[in-house]
Amino acid sequence: MKRIAFTGGPNGGKTTALSVLRETFGSRIEVVPEAATMIFSGGFPRKDGSPEHVRTAQRIIYYATKQMEDLTVETSSADLIVCDRGTVDAAVYWPEGVEDFFAHMGTSLEAELARYDAVIHLSPPLNAEFYQSTRVRTETLEEASGIDRKILKIWEKHPNRMVLPSMNHFFQKAGIIKDFIETLLPQENAK
């Protein structure tokens, strides 16, 4: 069973793309929801930006992501596990940097990259008119662009990564993603 991570800066279209994939491929894919959204929408406070608070949040996000992915791999009969973000993403928010993050988590960047057969990176819009903040997505467009650059950098060594920059029309992105996912799925008549 293959595992793919959807990543990128806030408001890059990951959630919308995953909805399109669910409708297109049905039970052939299993989506692992984004841990950060679950945690922050579930009441974990975001007001305190202190290093202690950020470290606690990112530890929770990393372990929740890892556990949800592993559980899905163990229990799903889908051909492809599609993860809304990967375990690597939490490292870009760690106050002391990426290497310190992986040391604290008892792993390495290489080990976490190896969890995924492919990575799709979706960048946020360049135009402020298309950027939407929410109760969970609190970053400004400028902050989202900075996070996007960090996420691009941390995943750059993955051998099967597709980067989709900001596009004026989401359906253009959706078509590219759908075609890429089709290459990862086994042929239906082979089942």
N, C-alpha and C. Protein backbone atom coordinates (compact mmCIF):
# COMPACT_ATOMS: atom_id res chain seq x y z
N MET A 1 0.84 -1.18 0.00
CA MET A 1 0.00 0.00 0.00
C MET A 1 0.89 1.24 0.00
N LYS A 2 0.66 2.12 -0.96
CA LYS A 2 1.47 3.33 -1.06
C LYS A 2 0.89 4.43 -0.19
N ARG A 3 1.80 5.32 0.23
CA ARG A 3 1.42 6.46 1.07
C ARG A 3 1.95 7.72 0.41
N ILE A 4 1.08 8.71 0.28
CA ILE A 4 1.45 9.98 -0.33
C ILE A 4 1.11 11.11 0.63
N ALA A 5 1.98 12.12 0.70
CA ALA A 5 1.73 13.28 1.56
C ALA A 5 1.38 14.48 0.70
N PHE A 6 0.33 15.18 1.10
CA PHE A 6 0.00 16.48 0.53
C PHE A 6 0.55 17.51 1.49
N THR A 7 1.33 18.45 0.99
CA THR A 7 1.95 19.44 1.84
C THR A 7 1.92 20.79 1.15
N GLY A 8 2.50 21.77 1.80
CA GLY A 8 2.56 23.13 1.25
C GLY A 8 2.10 24.14 2.27
N GLY A 9 2.24 25.39 1.92
CA GLY A 9 1.84 26.47 2.83
C GLY A 9 0.34 26.53 3.03
N PRO A 10 -0.07 27.27 4.05
CA PRO A 10 -1.50 27.42 4.32
C PRO A 10 -2.25 27.96 3.10
N ASN A 11 -3.44 27.44 2.86
CA ASN A 11 -4.34 27.88 1.79
C ASN A 11 -3.84 27.53 0.40
N GLY A 12 -3.06 26.45 0.31
CA GLY A 12 -2.56 26.01 -1.00
C GLY A 12 -3.55 25.17 -1.78
N GLY A 13 -4.64 24.75 -1.14
CA GLY A 13 -5.65 23.96 -1.82
C GLY A 13 -5.65 22.48 -1.44
N LYS A 14 -4.93 22.14 -0.39
CA LYS A 14 -4.83 20.72 0.01
C LYS A 14 -6.19 20.12 0.34
N THR A 15 -6.97 20.79 1.16
CA THR A 15 -8.26 20.26 1.58
C THR A 15 -9.20 20.11 0.39
N THR A 16 -9.23 21.10 -0.47
CA THR A 16 -10.08 21.03 -1.67
C THR A 16 -9.62 19.92 -2.59
N ALA A 17 -8.32 19.79 -2.77
CA ALA A 17 -7.79 18.72 -3.63
C ALA A 17 -8.16 17.35 -3.09
N LEU A 18 -8.09 17.19 -1.77
CA LEU A 18 -8.43 15.91 -1.17
C LEU A 18 -9.91 15.59 -1.35
N SER A 19 -10.76 16.60 -1.29
CA SER A 19 -12.19 16.39 -1.55
C SER A 19 -12.43 15.92 -2.98
N VAL A 20 -11.73 16.54 -3.93
CA VAL A 20 -11.84 16.14 -5.33
C VAL A 20 -11.36 14.70 -5.51
N LEU A 21 -10.26 14.34 -4.86
CA LEU A 21 -9.74 12.98 -4.98
C LEU A 21 -10.71 11.95 -4.39
N ARG A 22 -11.33 12.29 -3.26
CA ARG A 22 -12.33 11.38 -2.67
C ARG A 22 -13.47 11.12 -3.64
N GLU A 23 -13.94 12.18 -4.28
CA GLU A 23 -15.04 12.03 -5.24
C GLU A 23 -14.60 11.29 -6.49
N THR A 24 -13.38 11.48 -6.90
CA THR A 24 -12.88 10.85 -8.13
C THR A 24 -12.55 9.38 -7.93
N PHE A 25 -11.88 9.05 -6.83
CA PHE A 25 -11.35 7.70 -6.65
C PHE A 25 -12.11 6.86 -5.61
N GLY A 26 -13.00 7.47 -4.85
CA GLY A 26 -13.83 6.73 -3.90
C GLY A 26 -13.01 5.89 -2.93
N SER A 27 -13.37 4.61 -2.81
CA SER A 27 -12.74 3.73 -1.82
C SER A 27 -11.34 3.28 -2.22
N ARG A 28 -10.87 3.67 -3.39
CA ARG A 28 -9.51 3.30 -3.79
C ARG A 28 -8.46 4.10 -3.01
N ILE A 29 -8.88 5.22 -2.43
CA ILE A 29 -7.96 6.00 -1.60
C ILE A 29 -8.55 6.15 -0.20
N GLU A 30 -7.68 6.32 0.76
CA GLU A 30 -8.08 6.59 2.15
C GLU A 30 -7.34 7.85 2.57
N VAL A 31 -8.07 8.86 3.04
CA VAL A 31 -7.48 10.13 3.41
C VAL A 31 -7.25 10.18 4.92
N VAL A 32 -6.03 10.54 5.30
CA VAL A 32 -5.68 10.78 6.69
C VAL A 32 -5.82 12.28 6.91
N PRO A 33 -6.72 12.70 7.82
CA PRO A 33 -6.94 14.14 8.01
C PRO A 33 -5.74 14.85 8.62
N GLU A 34 -5.70 16.15 8.46
CA GLU A 34 -4.60 16.95 9.00
C GLU A 34 -4.73 17.04 10.52
N ALA A 35 -3.69 16.61 11.21
CA ALA A 35 -3.69 16.62 12.68
C ALA A 35 -3.78 18.03 13.23
N ALA A 36 -3.07 18.97 12.63
CA ALA A 36 -3.08 20.35 13.16
C ALA A 36 -4.49 20.93 13.15
N THR A 37 -5.23 20.71 12.09
CA THR A 37 -6.59 21.23 12.02
C THR A 37 -7.46 20.59 13.11
N MET A 38 -7.32 19.28 13.28
CA MET A 38 -8.09 18.59 14.31
C MET A 38 -7.75 19.13 15.70
N ILE A 39 -6.49 19.34 15.95
CA ILE A 39 -6.04 19.77 17.28
C ILE A 39 -6.45 21.22 17.55
N PHE A 40 -6.20 22.11 16.59
CA PHE A 40 -6.53 23.52 16.81
C PHE A 40 -8.03 23.77 16.77
N SER A 41 -8.76 23.08 15.91
CA SER A 41 -10.22 23.28 15.89
C SER A 41 -10.87 22.58 17.08
N GLY A 42 -10.16 21.65 17.70
CA GLY A 42 -10.66 20.97 18.89
C GLY A 42 -10.45 21.75 20.18
N GLY A 43 -9.81 22.91 20.09
CA GLY A 43 -9.68 23.76 21.27
C GLY A 43 -8.28 24.02 21.76
N PHE A 44 -7.25 23.40 21.16
CA PHE A 44 -5.89 23.70 21.61
C PHE A 44 -5.63 25.18 21.34
N PRO A 45 -5.20 25.94 22.34
CA PRO A 45 -5.06 27.40 22.16
C PRO A 45 -3.91 27.77 21.22
N ARG A 46 -4.14 28.81 20.43
CA ARG A 46 -3.12 29.28 19.49
C ARG A 46 -2.63 30.68 19.83
N LYS A 47 -3.12 31.27 20.89
CA LYS A 47 -2.79 32.67 21.18
C LYS A 47 -1.38 32.85 21.70
N ASP A 48 -0.87 31.86 22.42
CA ASP A 48 0.45 31.96 23.03
C ASP A 48 1.48 31.46 22.04
N GLY A 49 2.30 32.34 21.51
CA GLY A 49 3.32 31.95 20.55
C GLY A 49 4.67 31.69 21.19
N SER A 50 4.69 31.46 22.50
CA SER A 50 5.96 31.22 23.18
C SER A 50 6.59 29.93 22.67
N PRO A 51 7.92 29.83 22.74
CA PRO A 51 8.58 28.60 22.29
C PRO A 51 8.04 27.35 22.98
N GLU A 52 7.72 27.42 24.26
CA GLU A 52 7.19 26.26 24.98
C GLU A 52 5.85 25.82 24.39
N HIS A 53 5.01 26.78 24.10
CA HIS A 53 3.68 26.50 23.54
C HIS A 53 3.82 25.90 22.14
N VAL A 54 4.67 26.49 21.32
CA VAL A 54 4.87 26.00 19.95
C VAL A 54 5.45 24.58 19.97
N ARG A 55 6.44 24.34 20.83
CA ARG A 55 7.01 22.99 20.93
C ARG A 55 5.95 21.97 21.34
N THR A 56 5.13 22.31 22.32
CA THR A 56 4.07 21.39 22.76
C THR A 56 3.11 21.10 21.61
N ALA A 57 2.68 22.13 20.92
CA ALA A 57 1.74 21.94 19.80
C ALA A 57 2.36 21.06 18.71
N GLN A 58 3.60 21.30 18.36
CA GLN A 58 4.22 20.55 17.26
C GLN A 58 4.52 19.11 17.65
N ARG A 59 4.83 18.86 18.91
CA ARG A 59 4.98 17.48 19.38
C ARG A 59 3.66 16.72 19.24
N ILE A 60 2.58 17.35 19.68
CA ILE A 60 1.25 16.73 19.57
C ILE A 60 0.91 16.47 18.11
N ILE A 61 1.16 17.44 17.25
CA ILE A 61 0.84 17.32 15.82
C ILE A 61 1.66 16.20 15.19
N TYR A 62 2.95 16.15 15.49
CA TYR A 62 3.80 15.09 14.93
C TYR A 62 3.30 13.71 15.33
N TYR A 63 3.10 13.50 16.63
CA TYR A 63 2.69 12.17 17.09
C TYR A 63 1.28 11.80 16.62
N ALA A 64 0.38 12.77 16.60
CA ALA A 64 -0.97 12.49 16.10
C ALA A 64 -0.93 12.13 14.62
N THR A 65 -0.15 12.85 13.83
CA THR A 65 -0.01 12.56 12.40
C THR A 65 0.53 11.15 12.21
N LYS A 66 1.59 10.84 12.90
CA LYS A 66 2.23 9.52 12.78
C LYS A 66 1.27 8.40 13.17
N GLN A 67 0.58 8.56 14.29
CA GLN A 67 -0.33 7.52 14.75
C GLN A 67 -1.52 7.34 13.82
N MET A 68 -2.09 8.45 13.33
CA MET A 68 -3.23 8.35 12.41
C MET A 68 -2.82 7.68 11.10
N GLU A 69 -1.64 8.03 10.60
CA GLU A 69 -1.15 7.38 9.38
C GLU A 69 -0.95 5.89 9.59
N ASP A 70 -0.28 5.53 10.67
CA ASP A 70 0.00 4.12 10.94
C ASP A 70 -1.28 3.31 11.13
N LEU A 71 -2.25 3.88 11.83
CA LEU A 71 -3.52 3.20 12.02
C LEU A 71 -4.24 3.00 10.69
N THR A 72 -4.19 4.00 9.84
CA THR A 72 -4.85 3.90 8.53
C THR A 72 -4.18 2.83 7.68
N VAL A 73 -2.87 2.77 7.70
CA VAL A 73 -2.16 1.73 6.94
C VAL A 73 -2.55 0.35 7.44
N GLU A 74 -2.68 0.19 8.75
CA GLU A 74 -3.02 -1.11 9.34
C GLU A 74 -4.46 -1.53 9.09
N THR A 75 -5.37 -0.57 8.96
CA THR A 75 -6.80 -0.90 8.92
C THR A 75 -7.49 -0.68 7.59
N SER A 76 -6.86 0.01 6.67
CA SER A 76 -7.53 0.35 5.41
C SER A 76 -7.31 -0.70 4.34
N SER A 77 -8.30 -0.86 3.50
CA SER A 77 -8.16 -1.75 2.34
C SER A 77 -7.97 -0.94 1.06
N ALA A 78 -7.78 0.36 1.19
CA ALA A 78 -7.58 1.22 0.03
C ALA A 78 -6.25 0.90 -0.66
N ASP A 79 -6.14 1.28 -1.91
CA ASP A 79 -4.91 1.10 -2.67
C ASP A 79 -3.86 2.16 -2.32
N LEU A 80 -4.32 3.33 -1.87
CA LEU A 80 -3.43 4.46 -1.65
C LEU A 80 -3.87 5.22 -0.40
N ILE A 81 -2.93 5.48 0.50
CA ILE A 81 -3.18 6.31 1.67
C ILE A 81 -2.73 7.72 1.32
N VAL A 82 -3.63 8.68 1.43
CA VAL A 82 -3.34 10.07 1.10
C VAL A 82 -3.39 10.88 2.39
N CYS A 83 -2.25 11.47 2.76
CA CYS A 83 -2.11 12.16 4.04
C CYS A 83 -2.18 13.67 3.84
N ASP A 84 -3.08 14.30 4.59
CA ASP A 84 -3.17 15.75 4.59
C ASP A 84 -2.06 16.25 5.50
N ARG A 85 -0.93 16.53 4.91
CA ARG A 85 0.35 16.86 5.52
C ARG A 85 1.06 15.59 5.95
N GLY A 86 2.34 15.71 6.21
CA GLY A 86 3.14 14.58 6.63
C GLY A 86 3.84 14.87 7.94
N THR A 87 4.51 13.88 8.47
CA THR A 87 5.21 14.04 9.75
C THR A 87 6.34 15.06 9.67
N VAL A 88 6.81 15.32 8.48
CA VAL A 88 7.92 16.26 8.27
C VAL A 88 7.49 17.70 8.52
N ASP A 89 6.24 18.02 8.24
CA ASP A 89 5.78 19.41 8.26
C ASP A 89 5.95 20.10 9.61
N ALA A 90 5.74 19.38 10.71
CA ALA A 90 5.82 20.01 12.04
C ALA A 90 7.20 20.60 12.30
N ALA A 91 8.23 20.07 11.67
CA ALA A 91 9.60 20.53 11.92
C ALA A 91 9.82 21.98 11.52
N VAL A 92 9.09 22.47 10.53
CA VAL A 92 9.33 23.86 10.08
C VAL A 92 8.85 24.88 11.10
N TYR A 93 8.01 24.46 12.03
CA TYR A 93 7.49 25.37 13.05
C TYR A 93 8.31 25.32 14.35
N TRP A 94 9.22 24.36 14.47
CA TRP A 94 9.98 24.13 15.70
C TRP A 94 10.90 25.31 15.98
N PRO A 95 10.81 25.95 17.15
CA PRO A 95 11.59 27.17 17.42
C PRO A 95 13.10 27.00 17.28
N GLU A 96 13.63 25.81 17.62
CA GLU A 96 15.08 25.61 17.59
C GLU A 96 15.58 25.00 16.28
N GLY A 97 14.72 24.86 15.30
CA GLY A 97 15.15 24.38 13.99
C GLY A 97 14.86 22.92 13.72
N VAL A 98 15.04 22.54 12.48
CA VAL A 98 14.68 21.22 11.97
C VAL A 98 15.47 20.10 12.65
N GLU A 99 16.79 20.22 12.73
CA GLU A 99 17.60 19.15 13.33
C GLU A 99 17.22 18.91 14.78
N ASP A 100 16.98 19.98 15.52
CA ASP A 100 16.58 19.86 16.92
C ASP A 100 15.21 19.17 17.03
N PHE A 101 14.30 19.49 16.11
CA PHE A 101 12.98 18.86 16.11
C PHE A 101 13.11 17.34 15.98
N PHE A 102 13.83 16.89 14.96
CA PHE A 102 13.94 15.45 14.73
C PHE A 102 14.68 14.76 15.88
N ALA A 103 15.65 15.43 16.47
CA ALA A 103 16.34 14.86 17.63
C ALA A 103 15.35 14.67 18.78
N HIS A 104 14.51 15.67 19.02
CA HIS A 104 13.51 15.57 20.09
C HIS A 104 12.46 14.50 19.80
N MET A 105 12.17 14.24 18.55
CA MET A 105 11.17 13.24 18.19
C MET A 105 11.77 11.84 18.10
N GLY A 106 13.11 11.75 18.21
CA GLY A 106 13.77 10.44 18.16
C GLY A 106 13.79 9.84 16.77
N THR A 107 13.92 10.68 15.77
CA THR A 107 13.92 10.23 14.38
C THR A 107 14.85 11.12 13.57
N SER A 108 14.77 11.02 12.26
CA SER A 108 15.58 11.87 11.38
C SER A 108 14.73 12.30 10.19
N LEU A 109 15.19 13.32 9.51
CA LEU A 109 14.50 13.77 8.31
C LEU A 109 14.45 12.64 7.29
N GLU A 110 15.55 11.92 7.13
CA GLU A 110 15.61 10.84 6.14
C GLU A 110 14.58 9.75 6.45
N ALA A 111 14.45 9.39 7.72
CA ALA A 111 13.48 8.36 8.12
C ALA A 111 12.06 8.82 7.86
N GLU A 112 11.78 10.09 8.11
CA GLU A 112 10.43 10.60 7.90
C GLU A 112 10.11 10.75 6.41
N LEU A 113 11.08 11.17 5.61
CA LEU A 113 10.85 11.24 4.16
C LEU A 113 10.55 9.86 3.60
N ALA A 114 11.22 8.85 4.14
CA ALA A 114 11.06 7.47 3.65
C ALA A 114 9.67 6.90 3.95
N ARG A 115 8.90 7.54 4.82
CA ARG A 115 7.53 7.07 5.11
C ARG A 115 6.61 7.23 3.90
N TYR A 116 6.98 8.09 2.97
CA TYR A 116 6.08 8.47 1.88
C TYR A 116 6.63 8.04 0.53
N ASP A 117 5.76 7.45 -0.28
CA ASP A 117 6.14 7.04 -1.64
C ASP A 117 6.17 8.22 -2.59
N ALA A 118 5.38 9.25 -2.28
CA ALA A 118 5.33 10.45 -3.11
C ALA A 118 4.87 11.63 -2.26
N VAL A 119 5.17 12.82 -2.75
CA VAL A 119 4.79 14.06 -2.08
C VAL A 119 4.25 15.02 -3.12
N ILE A 120 3.12 15.64 -2.80
CA ILE A 120 2.57 16.69 -3.65
C ILE A 120 2.57 17.97 -2.83
N HIS A 121 3.27 18.98 -3.34
CA HIS A 121 3.37 20.27 -2.65
C HIS A 121 2.48 21.28 -3.38
N LEU A 122 1.55 21.88 -2.64
CA LEU A 122 0.66 22.90 -3.19
C LEU A 122 0.95 24.24 -2.52
N SER A 123 1.37 25.21 -3.31
CA SER A 123 1.71 26.52 -2.76
C SER A 123 0.48 27.40 -2.62
N PRO A 124 0.50 28.30 -1.62
CA PRO A 124 -0.64 29.21 -1.42
C PRO A 124 -0.74 30.23 -2.55
N PRO A 125 -1.89 30.90 -2.65
CA PRO A 125 -2.04 31.90 -3.72
C PRO A 125 -1.07 33.06 -3.53
N LEU A 126 -0.70 33.66 -4.65
CA LEU A 126 0.17 34.84 -4.60
C LEU A 126 -0.66 36.11 -4.41
N ASN A 127 -1.90 36.06 -4.84
CA ASN A 127 -2.80 37.20 -4.81
C ASN A 127 -3.59 37.20 -3.50
N ALA A 128 -3.51 38.29 -2.74
CA ALA A 128 -4.21 38.39 -1.45
C ALA A 128 -5.72 38.23 -1.61
N GLU A 129 -6.23 38.53 -2.77
CA GLU A 129 -7.68 38.41 -3.03
C GLU A 129 -8.16 36.96 -2.90
N PHE A 130 -7.27 36.00 -3.16
CA PHE A 130 -7.64 34.59 -3.11
C PHE A 130 -7.24 33.90 -1.80
N TYR A 131 -6.59 34.63 -0.90
CA TYR A 131 -6.14 34.04 0.36
C TYR A 131 -7.23 34.20 1.42
N GLN A 132 -7.52 33.11 2.13
CA GLN A 132 -8.57 33.13 3.15
C GLN A 132 -8.02 32.71 4.50
N SER A 133 -8.20 33.57 5.51
CA SER A 133 -7.88 33.19 6.88
C SER A 133 -9.12 32.55 7.50
N THR A 134 -8.89 31.68 8.47
CA THR A 134 -9.99 31.05 9.19
C THR A 134 -9.64 31.03 10.67
N ARG A 135 -10.53 30.45 11.46
CA ARG A 135 -10.26 30.33 12.90
C ARG A 135 -9.03 29.46 13.13
N VAL A 136 -8.82 28.47 12.27
CA VAL A 136 -7.68 27.56 12.40
C VAL A 136 -6.48 28.08 11.62
N ARG A 137 -6.71 28.64 10.43
CA ARG A 137 -5.62 29.17 9.60
C ARG A 137 -5.48 30.65 9.92
N THR A 138 -4.57 30.99 10.82
CA THR A 138 -4.45 32.35 11.33
C THR A 138 -3.34 33.17 10.66
N GLU A 139 -2.55 32.53 9.81
CA GLU A 139 -1.42 33.22 9.19
C GLU A 139 -1.89 34.25 8.16
N THR A 140 -1.10 35.31 8.03
CA THR A 140 -1.33 36.26 6.94
C THR A 140 -0.79 35.63 5.66
N LEU A 141 -1.07 36.24 4.51
CA LEU A 141 -0.55 35.74 3.24
C LEU A 141 0.98 35.75 3.25
N GLU A 142 1.57 36.78 3.80
CA GLU A 142 3.03 36.86 3.86
C GLU A 142 3.61 35.73 4.73
N GLU A 143 2.98 35.48 5.87
CA GLU A 143 3.42 34.39 6.74
C GLU A 143 3.24 33.04 6.05
N ALA A 144 2.11 32.88 5.35
CA ALA A 144 1.85 31.63 4.63
C ALA A 144 2.91 31.40 3.56
N SER A 145 3.32 32.45 2.87
CA SER A 145 4.36 32.32 1.85
C SER A 145 5.70 31.94 2.47
N GLY A 146 6.02 32.49 3.63
CA GLY A 146 7.25 32.13 4.34
C GLY A 146 7.23 30.67 4.79
N ILE A 147 6.10 30.22 5.30
CA ILE A 147 5.95 28.81 5.70
C ILE A 147 6.09 27.92 4.48
N ASP A 148 5.49 28.33 3.38
CA ASP A 148 5.56 27.55 2.14
C ASP A 148 7.01 27.35 1.70
N ARG A 149 7.81 28.40 1.77
CA ARG A 149 9.23 28.29 1.38
C ARG A 149 9.97 27.30 2.29
N LYS A 150 9.68 27.33 3.58
CA LYS A 150 10.32 26.40 4.52
C LYS A 150 9.89 24.96 4.23
N ILE A 151 8.62 24.76 3.92
CA ILE A 151 8.13 23.42 3.62
C ILE A 151 8.73 22.92 2.31
N LEU A 152 8.84 23.79 1.32
CA LEU A 152 9.50 23.41 0.06
C LEU A 152 10.91 22.92 0.33
N LYS A 153 11.62 23.65 1.17
CA LYS A 153 13.02 23.32 1.48
C LYS A 153 13.14 21.98 2.21
N ILE A 154 12.30 21.75 3.22
CA ILE A 154 12.45 20.54 4.03
C ILE A 154 12.12 19.27 3.25
N TRP A 155 11.23 19.35 2.27
CA TRP A 155 10.86 18.16 1.48
C TRP A 155 11.71 18.01 0.22
N GLU A 156 12.65 18.90 -0.05
CA GLU A 156 13.35 18.92 -1.33
C GLU A 156 14.13 17.65 -1.65
N LYS A 157 14.51 16.87 -0.66
CA LYS A 157 15.29 15.65 -0.91
C LYS A 157 14.41 14.43 -1.21
N HIS A 158 13.09 14.60 -1.16
CA HIS A 158 12.23 13.45 -1.45
C HIS A 158 12.36 13.11 -2.94
N PRO A 159 12.60 11.82 -3.26
CA PRO A 159 12.86 11.44 -4.64
C PRO A 159 11.65 11.46 -5.57
N ASN A 160 10.44 11.54 -5.03
CA ASN A 160 9.24 11.53 -5.88
C ASN A 160 8.31 12.66 -5.42
N ARG A 161 8.73 13.89 -5.69
CA ARG A 161 7.99 15.07 -5.24
C ARG A 161 7.51 15.86 -6.44
N MET A 162 6.25 16.25 -6.40
CA MET A 162 5.69 17.13 -7.41
C MET A 162 5.33 18.45 -6.73
N VAL A 163 5.82 19.55 -7.27
CA VAL A 163 5.55 20.87 -6.71
C VAL A 163 4.61 21.61 -7.66
N LEU A 164 3.47 22.04 -7.11
CA LEU A 164 2.51 22.82 -7.89
C LEU A 164 2.51 24.24 -7.34
N PRO A 165 3.06 25.18 -8.09
CA PRO A 165 3.08 26.56 -7.62
C PRO A 165 1.67 27.14 -7.63
N SER A 166 1.55 28.33 -7.12
CA SER A 166 0.26 29.00 -7.13
C SER A 166 -0.24 29.14 -8.57
N MET A 167 -1.52 28.85 -8.76
CA MET A 167 -2.14 28.95 -10.09
C MET A 167 -3.43 29.75 -9.95
N ASN A 168 -3.79 30.44 -11.03
CA ASN A 168 -5.01 31.25 -11.00
C ASN A 168 -6.27 30.40 -10.92
N HIS A 169 -6.23 29.20 -11.46
CA HIS A 169 -7.42 28.36 -11.52
C HIS A 169 -7.15 27.04 -10.80
N PHE A 170 -7.90 26.80 -9.72
CA PHE A 170 -7.67 25.59 -8.93
C PHE A 170 -7.90 24.33 -9.75
N PHE A 171 -8.85 24.36 -10.67
CA PHE A 171 -9.15 23.16 -11.44
C PHE A 171 -7.97 22.71 -12.29
N GLN A 172 -7.10 23.64 -12.65
CA GLN A 172 -5.86 23.28 -13.34
C GLN A 172 -4.99 22.43 -12.41
N LYS A 173 -4.86 22.86 -11.15
CA LYS A 173 -4.12 22.08 -10.15
C LYS A 173 -4.77 20.71 -9.96
N ALA A 174 -6.09 20.71 -9.83
CA ALA A 174 -6.82 19.47 -9.57
C ALA A 174 -6.59 18.44 -10.67
N GLY A 175 -6.56 18.87 -11.92
CA GLY A 175 -6.32 17.95 -13.03
C GLY A 175 -4.93 17.35 -12.99
N ILE A 176 -3.94 18.15 -12.67
CA ILE A 176 -2.57 17.67 -12.57
C ILE A 176 -2.46 16.65 -11.43
N ILE A 177 -3.08 16.96 -10.30
CA ILE A 177 -3.05 16.06 -9.14
C ILE A 177 -3.73 14.74 -9.48
N LYS A 178 -4.90 14.81 -10.08
CA LYS A 178 -5.64 13.59 -10.44
C LYS A 178 -4.80 12.70 -11.34
N ASP A 179 -4.16 13.29 -12.33
CA ASP A 179 -3.32 12.51 -13.25
C ASP A 179 -2.15 11.86 -12.50
N PHE A 180 -1.55 12.58 -11.58
CA PHE A 180 -0.43 12.04 -10.81
C PHE A 180 -0.89 10.88 -9.93
N ILE A 181 -2.02 11.04 -9.27
CA ILE A 181 -2.56 9.98 -8.41
C ILE A 181 -2.84 8.73 -9.23
N GLU A 182 -3.36 8.89 -10.43
CA GLU A 182 -3.64 7.74 -11.29
C GLU A 182 -2.38 6.93 -11.58
N THR A 183 -1.22 7.58 -11.64
CA THR A 183 0.02 6.85 -11.88
C THR A 183 0.43 6.01 -10.67
N LEU A 184 -0.05 6.37 -9.49
CA LEU A 184 0.31 5.65 -8.27
C LEU A 184 -0.63 4.49 -7.95
N LEU A 185 -1.83 4.55 -8.51
CA LEU A 185 -2.82 3.50 -8.24
C LEU A 185 -2.61 2.30 -9.16
N PRO A 186 -2.82 1.09 -8.64
CA PRO A 186 -2.74 -0.08 -9.53
C PRO A 186 -3.88 -0.02 -10.56
N GLN A 187 -3.63 -0.61 -11.71
CA GLN A 187 -4.66 -0.65 -12.74
C GLN A 187 -5.87 -1.40 -12.21
N GLU A 188 -7.06 -0.90 -12.44
CA GLU A 188 -8.29 -1.50 -11.89
C GLU A 188 -8.48 -2.94 -12.36
N ASN A 189 -8.15 -3.24 -13.60
CA ASN A 189 -8.37 -4.62 -14.09
C ASN A 189 -7.34 -5.60 -13.53
N ALA A 190 -6.31 -5.07 -12.86
CA ALA A 190 -5.30 -5.93 -12.26
C ALA A 190 -5.73 -6.43 -10.88
N LYS A 191 -6.82 -5.89 -10.36
CA LYS A 191 -7.28 -6.27 -9.01
C LYS A 191 -7.97 -7.60 -9.02
